[in-house]
Amino acid sequence: MPRVLIVEDEPAAGRYLRSLIDQRSPAYSVVGIAENGREALGRVRDSVPDLVVTDVKMPVMDGIELVAALKAEFPALPVVIVSGHQEFEYARRALDTGVVDYLLKPVDPHRLEELLGRLMAQLRAGEEQCRTESLARFVRGDALTPTDAFTPEERFRLGIARSGGLPSRFRLDGAAEEKAAFVDGVYVLPGRDSRERIYLRPESSISAESFAEELRGVECRPGSGFRTIVIAEGSPRADQLREAVGSACLVLDRLIVPGLTQLRRGDLRQAREPDWDKPLADRIEFALKESGAVLLERAIRDMAGAWKSRGATLLSIETQLRRILHFIIRKAPHGDVTVAADLEFLLEEALAGAESFDELAAAAWSLAAKAAGLERLVVREGNVPAFFDTILRYVQARYAEPLNLRSLSDTFRISSSYLSKLFRQHAGKSFGEFLAELRIEAAKRLIRESPGMPLKDVAERVGFNDPFYFSRVFKAVAGLPPSDYARRPCADETEADE
């Protein structure tokens, strides 16, 4: 319920305003009547109300001075001015300082009711934003403050949804720039990176079963890639959210299976680490002694085939592949020691972007070949610029397809690390940055050429299945959201001239 502070030096006038609000707008709660601006400023500092209704002419600090002080200290706090006819021009100047409206004395009950009705949606939106920001702070582990919109004991349904693979341990992808939002009764908070979202709902507003179905409907859209969704067991309190989110993230990471969309509720037992596969190790050691690249590749791809057969999680795949690579480095006559130094980074690069077991199989073989010193580039150094130009033309022709570094390296029969190096050296940016810029330029052309096309369709046409992710990438590349870009005046002529 929005709280109103009345500022009026005449007691009778203050009581009249209070009675009008109680009778005409019972959705509001009058929290007090201050007799001058100084008293009102102190009350606002102690317990910030949602709305201030103030007279103009008062002793000590008048209404105009109060408005200036409030706007400096509480810029989002709406203020309504009440003035007599003789002070009308004086009071109207306050509108330039951010006053939302004014009322003439004697206050018309119908006018007051209409004004407060119009303000209600704005106040509720501000209240929900305040609650959302409080929840985001709780998840970060910040302490509760007297102005927070929740009590420590309030309980929430908690769900975490992730698209794709494991979160990066070495790269930041803008998660800190994500904004918390309140959407259709759900608090949506940023997760560990841009591919993860935290969903919260007050426990009293929805059952556990309905909350799970709600998240399934929001996240599991056709064509949006695979998702892993975890619904926390029980309903954590507001002051327990950080610990609850951390526990749910651990569960989620243990669940991720390439290409498999799944929704799980409750806690899970810790998955057992995969045993050392001695027959596989013997095959690999024999292949290395015989310098048999074909034998080594067959062993590695058989290992990857076993992952697919048993639906292995990414964490178990990472563990086994790490062991195998260390084994290859130790046993190979020409093992690449740089793989050991860069192992964690290379593993993450291989696993984070993998959308299927087939991609994982190609990544595993590429890493194993590099570790064994068997990697061979398909071009000579003198032909690199022409070869890279071929790669660029391929990407430019297929930017709307689900391209990634792994699939591209497989197409051109080179390692993803070498391909990444080519983009850094010859394009001056990473493959991901190059592809994002290419897609956003294509999106800008579509917006200019087809101004009526929905932004969701624009996103899909240039290779983004998730419109929210499209909006974030567009803003990062173009400097403004796609909705703002579409509204820019004369965008066609400006960009055409460029």
Protein backbone atom coordinates (compact mmCIF):
# COMPACT_ATOMS: atom_id res chain seq x y z
CA MET A 1 0.00 0.00 0.00
CA PRO A 2 1.59 3.35 -1.05
CA ARG A 3 2.35 5.63 1.91
CA VAL A 4 1.56 9.36 1.79
CA LEU A 5 3.10 12.14 3.89
CA ILE A 6 1.02 15.34 4.10
CA VAL A 7 2.83 18.66 4.74
CA GLU A 8 0.44 21.38 5.92
CA ASP A 9 0.92 24.02 8.63
CA GLU A 10 -2.83 24.47 9.22
CA PRO A 11 -4.05 21.51 11.32
CA ALA A 12 -7.61 21.72 9.97
CA ALA A 13 -6.42 21.71 6.37
CA GLY A 14 -4.12 18.75 7.09
CA ARG A 15 -6.93 16.75 8.68
CA TYR A 16 -9.22 17.56 5.74
CA LEU A 17 -6.66 16.26 3.23
CA ARG A 18 -6.19 13.12 5.31
CA SER A 19 -9.92 12.42 5.47
CA LEU A 20 -10.25 12.93 1.70
CA ILE A 21 -7.47 10.43 0.99
CA ASP A 22 -8.89 7.90 3.48
CA GLN A 23 -12.37 8.17 1.97
CA ARG A 24 -11.66 8.65 -1.73
CA SER A 25 -8.43 6.66 -2.16
CA PRO A 26 -8.33 3.88 0.47
CA ALA A 27 -5.54 2.16 -1.48
CA TYR A 28 -3.22 4.80 0.03
CA SER A 29 -2.08 5.00 3.64
CA VAL A 30 -1.44 8.41 5.21
CA VAL A 31 1.60 7.96 7.46
CA GLY A 32 1.55 11.42 9.05
CA ILE A 33 1.13 15.18 8.78
CA ALA A 34 4.17 17.46 9.05
CA GLU A 35 3.70 21.16 9.87
CA ASN A 36 6.58 22.56 7.80
CA GLY A 37 9.20 21.58 5.27
CA ARG A 38 11.97 20.97 7.77
CA GLU A 39 9.86 18.54 9.80
CA ALA A 40 8.77 16.83 6.58
CA LEU A 41 12.37 16.40 5.39
CA GLY A 42 13.27 14.71 8.66
CA ARG A 43 10.32 12.33 8.40
CA VAL A 44 11.22 11.43 4.84
CA ARG A 45 14.78 10.64 5.89
CA ASP A 46 13.58 8.42 8.74
CA SER A 47 11.11 6.36 6.68
CA VAL A 48 10.86 7.21 3.01
CA PRO A 49 7.17 7.52 2.00
CA ASP A 50 5.95 6.79 -1.51
CA LEU A 51 4.34 10.21 -2.06
CA VAL A 52 4.53 13.69 -0.51
CA VAL A 53 1.59 16.13 -0.72
CA THR A 54 2.74 19.56 0.43
CA ASP A 55 1.35 23.07 0.86
CA VAL A 56 3.35 26.02 -0.48
CA LYS A 57 3.24 28.72 2.21
CA MET A 58 4.63 27.40 5.51
CA PRO A 59 7.00 28.70 8.21
CA VAL A 60 10.62 27.56 8.69
CA MET A 61 10.85 25.89 5.24
CA ASP A 62 8.17 26.45 2.62
CA GLY A 63 6.93 23.98 0.03
CA ILE A 64 9.16 25.15 -2.81
CA GLU A 65 12.27 24.83 -0.64
CA LEU A 66 11.10 21.39 0.49
CA VAL A 67 10.64 20.26 -3.12
CA ALA A 68 14.19 21.36 -4.00
CA ALA A 69 15.62 19.54 -0.96
CA LEU A 70 13.67 16.35 -1.73
CA LYS A 71 14.68 16.31 -5.38
CA ALA A 72 18.33 16.67 -4.40
CA GLU A 73 18.20 13.87 -1.82
CA PHE A 74 15.34 11.65 -3.08
CA PRO A 75 15.12 12.28 -6.85
CA ALA A 76 12.62 9.46 -7.47
CA LEU A 77 10.16 10.53 -4.75
CA PRO A 78 6.98 12.01 -6.34
CA VAL A 79 5.65 15.28 -4.87
CA VAL A 80 2.26 16.96 -5.32
CA ILE A 81 1.93 20.70 -4.57
CA VAL A 82 -1.22 22.16 -2.95
CA SER A 83 -1.63 25.94 -3.33
CA GLY A 84 -4.18 28.71 -3.15
CA HIS A 85 -5.17 30.75 -6.21
CA GLN A 86 -2.98 33.66 -5.11
CA GLU A 87 0.10 31.38 -5.05
CA PHE A 88 -0.70 29.55 -8.28
CA GLU A 89 2.00 31.09 -10.48
CA TYR A 90 4.54 30.71 -7.70
CA ALA A 91 3.64 27.07 -7.16
CA ARG A 92 3.57 26.24 -10.86
CA ARG A 93 7.29 27.04 -11.08
CA ALA A 94 7.83 24.00 -8.87
CA LEU A 95 6.72 21.79 -11.76
CA ASP A 96 10.09 22.52 -13.38
CA THR A 97 11.83 20.92 -10.37
CA GLY A 98 10.09 17.59 -10.83
CA VAL A 99 6.75 18.01 -9.05
CA VAL A 100 4.35 15.53 -10.63
CA ASP A 101 1.21 17.70 -10.32
CA TYR A 102 -0.52 20.42 -8.31
CA LEU A 103 -3.90 20.93 -6.67
CA LEU A 104 -5.68 24.24 -6.05
CA LYS A 105 -7.26 25.07 -2.70
CA PRO A 106 -9.89 24.31 -1.68
CA VAL A 107 -9.00 20.80 -2.78
CA ASP A 108 -11.65 19.26 -5.01
CA PRO A 109 -12.31 15.67 -3.82
CA HIS A 110 -12.90 14.43 -7.39
CA ARG A 111 -9.71 16.09 -8.63
CA LEU A 112 -7.70 14.56 -5.76
CA GLU A 113 -9.19 11.10 -6.41
CA GLU A 114 -8.40 11.32 -10.13
CA LEU A 115 -4.83 12.46 -9.48
CA LEU A 116 -4.10 9.72 -6.96
CA GLY A 117 -5.61 7.15 -9.30
CA ARG A 118 -3.24 8.20 -12.07
CA LEU A 119 -0.27 8.04 -9.73
CA MET A 120 -1.09 4.56 -8.45
CA ALA A 121 0.42 2.66 -11.41
CA GLN A 122 3.59 4.76 -11.23
CA LEU A 123 3.90 4.24 -7.48
CA ARG A 124 3.33 0.51 -7.71
CA ALA A 125 5.95 0.22 -10.45
CA GLY A 126 8.40 2.12 -8.27
CA GLU A 127 7.53 -0.08 -5.30
CA GLU A 128 8.13 -3.25 -7.32
CA GLN A 129 11.42 -1.88 -8.64
CA CYS A 130 12.47 -1.17 -5.05
CA ARG A 131 11.54 -4.72 -4.05
CA THR A 132 13.38 -6.12 -7.05
CA GLU A 133 16.55 -4.21 -6.22
CA SER A 134 16.29 -5.36 -2.61
CA LEU A 135 16.14 -8.99 -3.76
CA ALA A 136 19.13 -8.47 -6.04
CA ARG A 137 21.08 -7.13 -3.06
CA PHE A 138 20.08 -10.10 -0.91
CA VAL A 139 21.30 -12.50 -3.61
CA ARG A 140 24.62 -10.64 -3.68
CA GLY A 141 24.83 -11.14 0.07
CA ASP A 142 24.29 -7.52 1.13
CA ALA A 143 22.91 -6.97 4.62
CA LEU A 144 19.29 -5.99 5.20
CA THR A 145 18.64 -2.28 5.76
CA PRO A 146 15.64 -0.49 7.36
CA THR A 147 14.50 0.73 3.94
CA ASP A 148 14.44 -2.69 2.29
CA ALA A 149 11.02 -3.69 0.98
CA PHE A 150 11.14 -7.18 2.47
CA THR A 151 11.40 -8.61 5.94
CA PRO A 152 14.13 -11.20 6.57
CA GLU A 153 11.47 -13.88 7.18
CA GLU A 154 9.61 -13.50 3.86
CA ARG A 155 9.86 -16.67 1.78
CA PHE A 156 10.25 -17.16 -1.98
CA ARG A 157 9.99 -19.79 -4.66
CA LEU A 158 13.43 -19.94 -6.30
CA GLY A 159 14.37 -21.18 -9.74
CA ILE A 160 17.52 -20.85 -11.84
CA ALA A 161 17.55 -21.36 -15.60
CA ARG A 162 20.64 -21.69 -17.77
CA SER A 163 21.04 -21.94 -21.52
CA GLY A 164 23.96 -23.88 -22.96
CA GLY A 165 26.97 -25.16 -21.08
CA LEU A 166 28.87 -24.36 -17.92
CA PRO A 167 29.62 -20.76 -16.90
CA SER A 168 33.02 -19.37 -17.79
CA ARG A 169 35.70 -19.20 -15.14
CA PHE A 170 38.02 -17.05 -17.23
CA ARG A 171 35.82 -14.65 -19.17
CA LEU A 172 33.36 -11.96 -18.11
CA ASP A 173 30.42 -11.61 -20.47
CA GLY A 174 28.49 -8.67 -19.05
CA ALA A 175 26.46 -10.32 -16.31
CA ALA A 176 27.26 -7.45 -13.97
CA GLU A 177 25.57 -5.08 -16.43
CA GLU A 178 22.33 -7.04 -16.40
CA LYS A 179 19.40 -5.34 -14.68
CA ALA A 180 16.97 -6.97 -12.30
CA ALA A 181 13.35 -6.71 -13.43
CA PHE A 182 9.80 -7.44 -12.26
CA VAL A 183 7.86 -9.17 -15.05
CA ASP A 184 4.29 -10.51 -14.72
CA GLY A 185 4.60 -11.12 -11.00
CA VAL A 186 8.07 -12.69 -11.22
CA TYR A 187 11.32 -11.16 -10.02
CA VAL A 188 13.97 -11.85 -12.69
CA LEU A 189 17.55 -11.33 -11.54
CA PRO A 190 20.86 -11.74 -13.41
CA GLY A 191 22.75 -14.95 -12.83
CA ARG A 192 26.46 -15.69 -13.09
CA ASP A 193 26.60 -14.63 -16.73
CA SER A 194 24.31 -13.52 -19.54
CA ARG A 195 23.11 -17.11 -20.19
CA GLU A 196 21.67 -17.54 -16.71
CA ARG A 197 18.62 -16.04 -14.96
CA ILE A 198 17.32 -16.27 -11.40
CA TYR A 199 13.54 -16.35 -10.89
CA LEU A 200 11.81 -15.50 -7.60
CA ARG A 201 8.16 -15.40 -6.57
CA PRO A 202 6.67 -14.84 -3.10
CA GLU A 203 5.78 -18.26 -1.70
CA SER A 204 2.21 -17.16 -0.96
CA SER A 205 1.54 -16.16 -4.58
CA ILE A 206 2.04 -19.54 -6.32
CA SER A 207 2.34 -23.25 -5.62
CA ALA A 208 5.58 -25.12 -6.22
CA GLU A 209 4.03 -27.07 -9.11
CA SER A 210 2.67 -23.94 -10.82
CA PHE A 211 6.00 -22.16 -10.38
CA ALA A 212 7.80 -25.04 -12.10
CA GLU A 213 5.36 -24.99 -15.00
CA GLU A 214 5.65 -21.21 -15.26
CA LEU A 215 9.42 -21.44 -15.63
CA ARG A 216 9.09 -24.26 -18.15
CA GLY A 217 6.78 -22.09 -20.27
CA VAL A 218 9.11 -19.06 -20.10
CA GLU A 219 12.41 -20.85 -20.73
CA CYS A 220 11.62 -23.88 -22.88
CA ARG A 221 10.65 -22.19 -26.12
CA PRO A 222 11.04 -24.04 -29.44
CA GLY A 223 14.29 -23.22 -31.20
CA SER A 224 15.88 -21.56 -28.18
CA GLY A 225 18.56 -24.20 -27.57
CA PHE A 226 18.82 -26.54 -24.63
CA ARG A 227 18.05 -25.33 -21.11
CA THR A 228 18.82 -26.60 -17.61
CA ILE A 229 16.35 -25.44 -14.97
CA VAL A 230 16.57 -26.08 -11.23
CA ILE A 231 13.76 -25.36 -8.75
CA ALA A 232 15.14 -25.03 -5.23
CA GLU A 233 13.81 -27.37 -2.58
CA GLY A 234 11.59 -25.52 -0.08
CA SER A 235 11.16 -21.75 -0.04
CA PRO A 236 14.22 -19.85 1.22
CA ARG A 237 13.83 -16.73 3.35
CA ALA A 238 14.92 -13.34 2.03
CA ASP A 239 18.01 -13.34 4.22
CA GLN A 240 18.94 -16.85 3.01
CA LEU A 241 18.78 -16.14 -0.70
CA ARG A 242 22.51 -15.95 -1.34
CA GLU A 243 23.13 -19.37 0.19
CA ALA A 244 20.06 -20.82 -1.57
CA VAL A 245 21.14 -19.47 -4.96
CA GLY A 246 24.67 -20.80 -4.45
CA SER A 247 23.36 -24.27 -3.61
CA ALA A 248 21.01 -24.26 -6.59
CA CYS A 249 23.86 -23.26 -8.91
CA LEU A 250 25.92 -26.22 -7.71
CA VAL A 251 23.00 -28.54 -8.43
CA LEU A 252 22.47 -26.97 -11.86
CA ASP A 253 26.11 -27.34 -12.88
CA ARG A 254 26.03 -31.05 -11.97
CA LEU A 255 22.96 -31.53 -14.18
CA ILE A 256 24.01 -30.00 -17.51
CA VAL A 257 23.96 -32.54 -20.35
CA PRO A 258 24.78 -31.25 -23.88
CA GLY A 259 21.66 -30.80 -26.00
CA LEU A 260 19.28 -31.98 -23.25
CA THR A 261 16.61 -29.64 -21.87
CA GLN A 262 15.63 -30.61 -18.35
CA LEU A 263 13.82 -29.23 -15.33
CA ARG A 264 14.60 -30.68 -11.92
CA ARG A 265 13.21 -29.94 -8.47
CA GLY A 266 14.95 -30.36 -5.14
CA ASP A 267 18.51 -31.22 -4.22
CA LEU A 268 20.61 -33.94 -5.86
CA ARG A 269 23.26 -36.28 -4.63
CA GLN A 270 26.79 -35.47 -5.63
CA ALA A 271 27.59 -37.31 -8.85
CA ARG A 272 30.36 -39.90 -8.52
CA GLU A 273 33.57 -39.01 -10.32
CA PRO A 274 34.10 -41.26 -13.37
CA ASP A 275 36.55 -44.14 -12.81
CA TRP A 276 39.82 -44.28 -14.66
CA ASP A 277 39.18 -46.14 -17.90
CA LYS A 278 42.21 -48.45 -18.13
CA PRO A 279 41.25 -50.13 -21.44
CA LEU A 280 40.90 -46.70 -23.02
CA ALA A 281 44.23 -45.61 -21.55
CA ASP A 282 45.90 -48.74 -22.96
CA ARG A 283 44.49 -48.01 -26.42
CA ILE A 284 45.72 -44.43 -26.26
CA GLU A 285 49.20 -45.44 -25.05
CA PHE A 286 49.50 -48.00 -27.86
CA ALA A 287 48.43 -45.41 -30.45
CA LEU A 288 51.03 -42.96 -29.14
CA LYS A 289 53.84 -45.55 -29.24
CA GLU A 290 52.92 -46.47 -32.79
CA SER A 291 52.54 -42.79 -33.78
CA GLY A 292 49.12 -43.79 -34.99
CA ALA A 293 47.00 -40.69 -35.40
CA VAL A 294 44.13 -42.76 -36.79
CA LEU A 295 44.22 -45.11 -33.80
CA LEU A 296 44.35 -42.20 -31.36
CA GLU A 297 41.45 -40.44 -33.05
CA ARG A 298 39.39 -43.62 -33.00
CA ALA A 299 40.03 -44.05 -29.26
CA ILE A 300 39.12 -40.47 -28.48
CA ARG A 301 35.96 -40.55 -30.58
CA ASP A 302 34.94 -43.87 -28.98
CA MET A 303 35.33 -42.17 -25.59
CA ALA A 304 33.12 -39.33 -26.79
CA GLY A 305 30.60 -41.83 -28.16
CA ALA A 306 30.37 -43.38 -24.70
CA TRP A 307 29.54 -39.93 -23.29
CA LYS A 308 26.61 -39.68 -25.65
CA SER A 309 25.41 -43.23 -24.94
CA ARG A 310 25.18 -42.67 -21.21
CA GLY A 311 24.08 -39.03 -21.37
CA ALA A 312 27.14 -37.83 -19.48
CA THR A 313 27.07 -34.45 -17.77
CA LEU A 314 29.50 -31.73 -18.78
CA LEU A 315 31.21 -31.87 -15.39
CA SER A 316 31.94 -35.60 -15.70
CA ILE A 317 33.12 -35.08 -19.30
CA GLU A 318 35.42 -32.30 -18.16
CA THR A 319 36.91 -34.51 -15.43
CA GLN A 320 37.59 -37.44 -17.75
CA LEU A 321 38.92 -35.32 -20.58
CA ARG A 322 41.29 -33.47 -18.23
CA ARG A 323 42.73 -36.80 -17.02
CA ILE A 324 43.11 -38.13 -20.57
CA LEU A 325 44.90 -34.99 -21.78
CA HIS A 326 47.38 -35.11 -18.90
CA PHE A 327 47.93 -38.80 -19.68
CA ILE A 328 48.59 -38.03 -23.37
CA ILE A 329 51.05 -35.26 -22.52
CA ARG A 330 53.00 -37.64 -20.26
CA LYS A 331 53.02 -40.56 -22.72
CA ALA A 332 53.35 -38.89 -26.12
CA PRO A 333 56.90 -38.75 -27.59
CA HIS A 334 56.20 -35.26 -28.90
CA GLY A 335 53.60 -34.13 -26.38
CA ASP A 336 52.81 -30.42 -26.39
CA VAL A 337 53.71 -29.05 -22.94
CA THR A 338 51.85 -25.81 -23.69
CA VAL A 339 48.60 -27.77 -23.46
CA ALA A 340 49.37 -28.53 -19.81
CA ALA A 341 49.97 -24.85 -19.11
CA ASP A 342 46.79 -23.79 -20.87
CA LEU A 343 44.74 -26.84 -19.99
CA GLU A 344 41.97 -25.22 -17.98
CA PHE A 345 41.46 -22.43 -20.49
CA LEU A 346 41.42 -24.85 -23.43
CA LEU A 347 39.01 -27.20 -21.69
CA GLU A 348 36.63 -24.37 -20.94
CA GLU A 349 36.85 -23.11 -24.51
CA ALA A 350 36.00 -26.60 -25.74
CA LEU A 351 33.17 -27.29 -23.30
CA ALA A 352 31.46 -23.95 -22.69
CA GLY A 353 30.18 -23.46 -26.22
CA ALA A 354 29.37 -27.07 -27.06
CA GLU A 355 25.72 -27.54 -27.97
CA SER A 356 25.87 -31.27 -28.73
CA PHE A 357 27.87 -34.43 -28.15
CA ASP A 358 29.08 -34.31 -31.75
CA GLU A 359 30.69 -30.93 -31.12
CA LEU A 360 32.24 -32.30 -27.94
CA ALA A 361 33.70 -35.24 -29.86
CA ALA A 362 35.38 -32.89 -32.34
CA ALA A 363 36.67 -30.72 -29.49
CA ALA A 364 38.08 -33.71 -27.61
CA TRP A 365 39.94 -34.97 -30.67
CA SER A 366 41.34 -31.50 -31.42
CA LEU A 367 42.68 -31.17 -27.87
CA ALA A 368 44.07 -34.71 -27.84
CA ALA A 369 45.84 -34.19 -31.19
CA LYS A 370 47.37 -30.98 -29.91
CA ALA A 371 48.49 -32.64 -26.66
CA ALA A 372 50.09 -35.49 -28.64
CA GLY A 373 51.90 -33.14 -31.01
CA LEU A 374 49.96 -34.55 -33.97
CA GLU A 375 48.16 -31.35 -34.91
CA ARG A 376 48.79 -30.30 -38.48
CA LEU A 377 47.62 -27.09 -40.05
CA VAL A 378 46.08 -27.34 -43.50
CA VAL A 379 47.72 -24.18 -44.80
CA ARG A 380 51.26 -22.97 -45.10
CA GLU A 381 52.26 -19.72 -43.48
CA GLY A 382 52.51 -17.88 -46.79
CA ASN A 383 48.91 -18.72 -47.67
CA VAL A 384 47.38 -17.68 -44.33
CA PRO A 385 45.86 -14.33 -45.49
CA ALA A 386 44.11 -15.94 -48.45
CA PHE A 387 42.99 -18.87 -46.31
CA PHE A 388 41.62 -16.53 -43.64
CA ASP A 389 39.80 -14.53 -46.32
CA THR A 390 38.02 -17.75 -47.31
CA ILE A 391 36.96 -18.25 -43.71
CA LEU A 392 35.64 -14.67 -43.53
CA ARG A 393 33.57 -15.11 -46.69
CA TYR A 394 32.13 -18.32 -45.26
CA VAL A 395 31.09 -16.59 -42.01
CA GLN A 396 29.70 -13.54 -43.82
CA ALA A 397 27.53 -15.79 -45.97
CA ARG A 398 26.24 -17.86 -43.03
CA TYR A 399 26.16 -15.43 -40.08
CA ALA A 400 22.48 -16.21 -39.39
CA GLU A 401 23.23 -19.92 -38.92
CA PRO A 402 24.20 -21.38 -35.49
CA LEU A 403 27.92 -20.81 -36.00
CA ASN A 404 30.50 -21.22 -33.27
CA LEU A 405 34.25 -21.57 -33.07
CA ARG A 406 34.06 -25.34 -32.74
CA SER A 407 31.83 -25.95 -35.77
CA LEU A 408 33.88 -23.53 -37.88
CA SER A 409 37.18 -25.18 -36.95
CA ASP A 410 35.67 -28.57 -37.82
CA THR A 411 34.53 -27.24 -41.22
CA PHE A 412 38.01 -25.98 -42.11
CA ARG A 413 39.86 -28.89 -40.47
CA ILE A 414 41.95 -26.74 -38.12
CA SER A 415 42.00 -26.46 -34.35
CA SER A 416 39.77 -23.98 -32.59
CA SER A 417 42.79 -22.47 -30.82
CA TYR A 418 44.51 -21.83 -34.16
CA LEU A 419 41.29 -20.43 -35.63
CA SER A 420 40.91 -18.13 -32.62
CA LYS A 421 44.51 -16.98 -33.17
CA LEU A 422 43.75 -16.23 -36.85
CA PHE A 423 40.85 -13.94 -35.92
CA ARG A 424 42.95 -12.14 -33.33
CA GLN A 425 45.84 -11.62 -35.77
CA HIS A 426 43.98 -10.85 -39.00
CA ALA A 427 40.64 -9.39 -37.85
CA GLY A 428 41.89 -7.69 -34.69
CA LYS A 429 39.15 -9.24 -32.57
CA SER A 430 37.87 -12.58 -31.33
CA PHE A 431 35.60 -14.76 -33.44
CA GLY A 432 32.72 -14.06 -31.04
CA GLU A 433 33.20 -10.31 -31.35
CA PHE A 434 33.45 -10.54 -35.14
CA LEU A 435 30.27 -12.62 -35.43
CA ALA A 436 28.35 -10.38 -33.01
CA GLU A 437 29.27 -7.23 -34.95
CA LEU A 438 28.37 -8.92 -38.24
CA ARG A 439 24.96 -9.94 -36.93
CA ILE A 440 24.21 -6.54 -35.37
CA GLU A 441 25.09 -4.73 -38.61
CA ALA A 442 22.69 -7.06 -40.41
CA ALA A 443 20.04 -6.33 -37.76
CA LYS A 444 20.49 -2.59 -38.23
CA ARG A 445 19.99 -3.00 -41.97
CA LEU A 446 16.80 -4.98 -41.38
CA ILE A 447 15.45 -2.36 -38.98
CA ARG A 448 16.16 0.41 -41.48
CA GLU A 449 14.77 -1.47 -44.48
CA SER A 450 11.75 -3.01 -42.70
CA PRO A 451 10.81 -0.59 -39.88
CA GLY A 452 7.59 -2.48 -39.14
CA MET A 453 9.28 -5.83 -38.51
CA PRO A 454 9.01 -6.98 -34.85
CA LEU A 455 12.38 -6.98 -33.10
CA LYS A 456 11.87 -10.65 -32.17
CA ASP A 457 11.75 -11.49 -35.89
CA VAL A 458 14.79 -9.30 -36.56
CA ALA A 459 16.70 -11.21 -33.88
CA GLU A 460 15.80 -14.59 -35.40
CA ARG A 461 16.65 -13.44 -38.93
CA VAL A 462 20.23 -12.57 -37.92
CA GLY A 463 20.92 -15.65 -35.79
CA PHE A 464 19.65 -14.89 -32.26
CA ASN A 465 17.10 -17.30 -30.79
CA ASP A 466 16.83 -15.34 -27.53
CA PRO A 467 15.45 -11.79 -28.01
CA PHE A 468 16.73 -10.74 -24.57
CA TYR A 469 20.27 -11.79 -25.47
CA PHE A 470 19.89 -10.07 -28.85
CA SER A 471 18.97 -6.83 -27.08
CA ARG A 472 22.01 -7.05 -24.80
CA VAL A 473 24.43 -7.76 -27.66
CA PHE A 474 22.86 -5.00 -29.80
CA LYS A 475 23.35 -2.47 -27.01
CA ALA A 476 26.94 -3.61 -26.40
CA VAL A 477 27.82 -3.27 -30.11
CA ALA A 478 25.68 -0.30 -31.20
CA GLY A 479 25.64 1.65 -27.94
CA LEU A 480 21.85 1.67 -27.57
CA PRO A 481 19.03 -0.90 -27.40
CA PRO A 482 17.42 -2.01 -30.68
CA SER A 483 14.10 -0.40 -29.66
CA ASP A 484 15.83 2.98 -29.32
CA TYR A 485 17.69 2.46 -32.59
CA ALA A 486 14.41 1.77 -34.39
CA ARG A 487 12.97 5.06 -33.07
CA ARG A 488 15.92 7.21 -34.09
CA PRO A 489 14.85 10.00 -36.46
CA CYS A 490 16.38 9.98 -39.91
CA ALA A 491 18.43 6.86 -39.13
CA ASP A 492 18.15 5.74 -42.74
CA GLU A 493 19.70 8.89 -44.20
CA THR A 494 22.38 9.19 -41.53
CA GLU A 495 23.69 5.67 -41.93
CA ALA A 496 23.28 5.68 -45.67
CA ASP A 497 25.52 8.77 -45.87
CA GLU A 498 28.13 7.01 -43.77
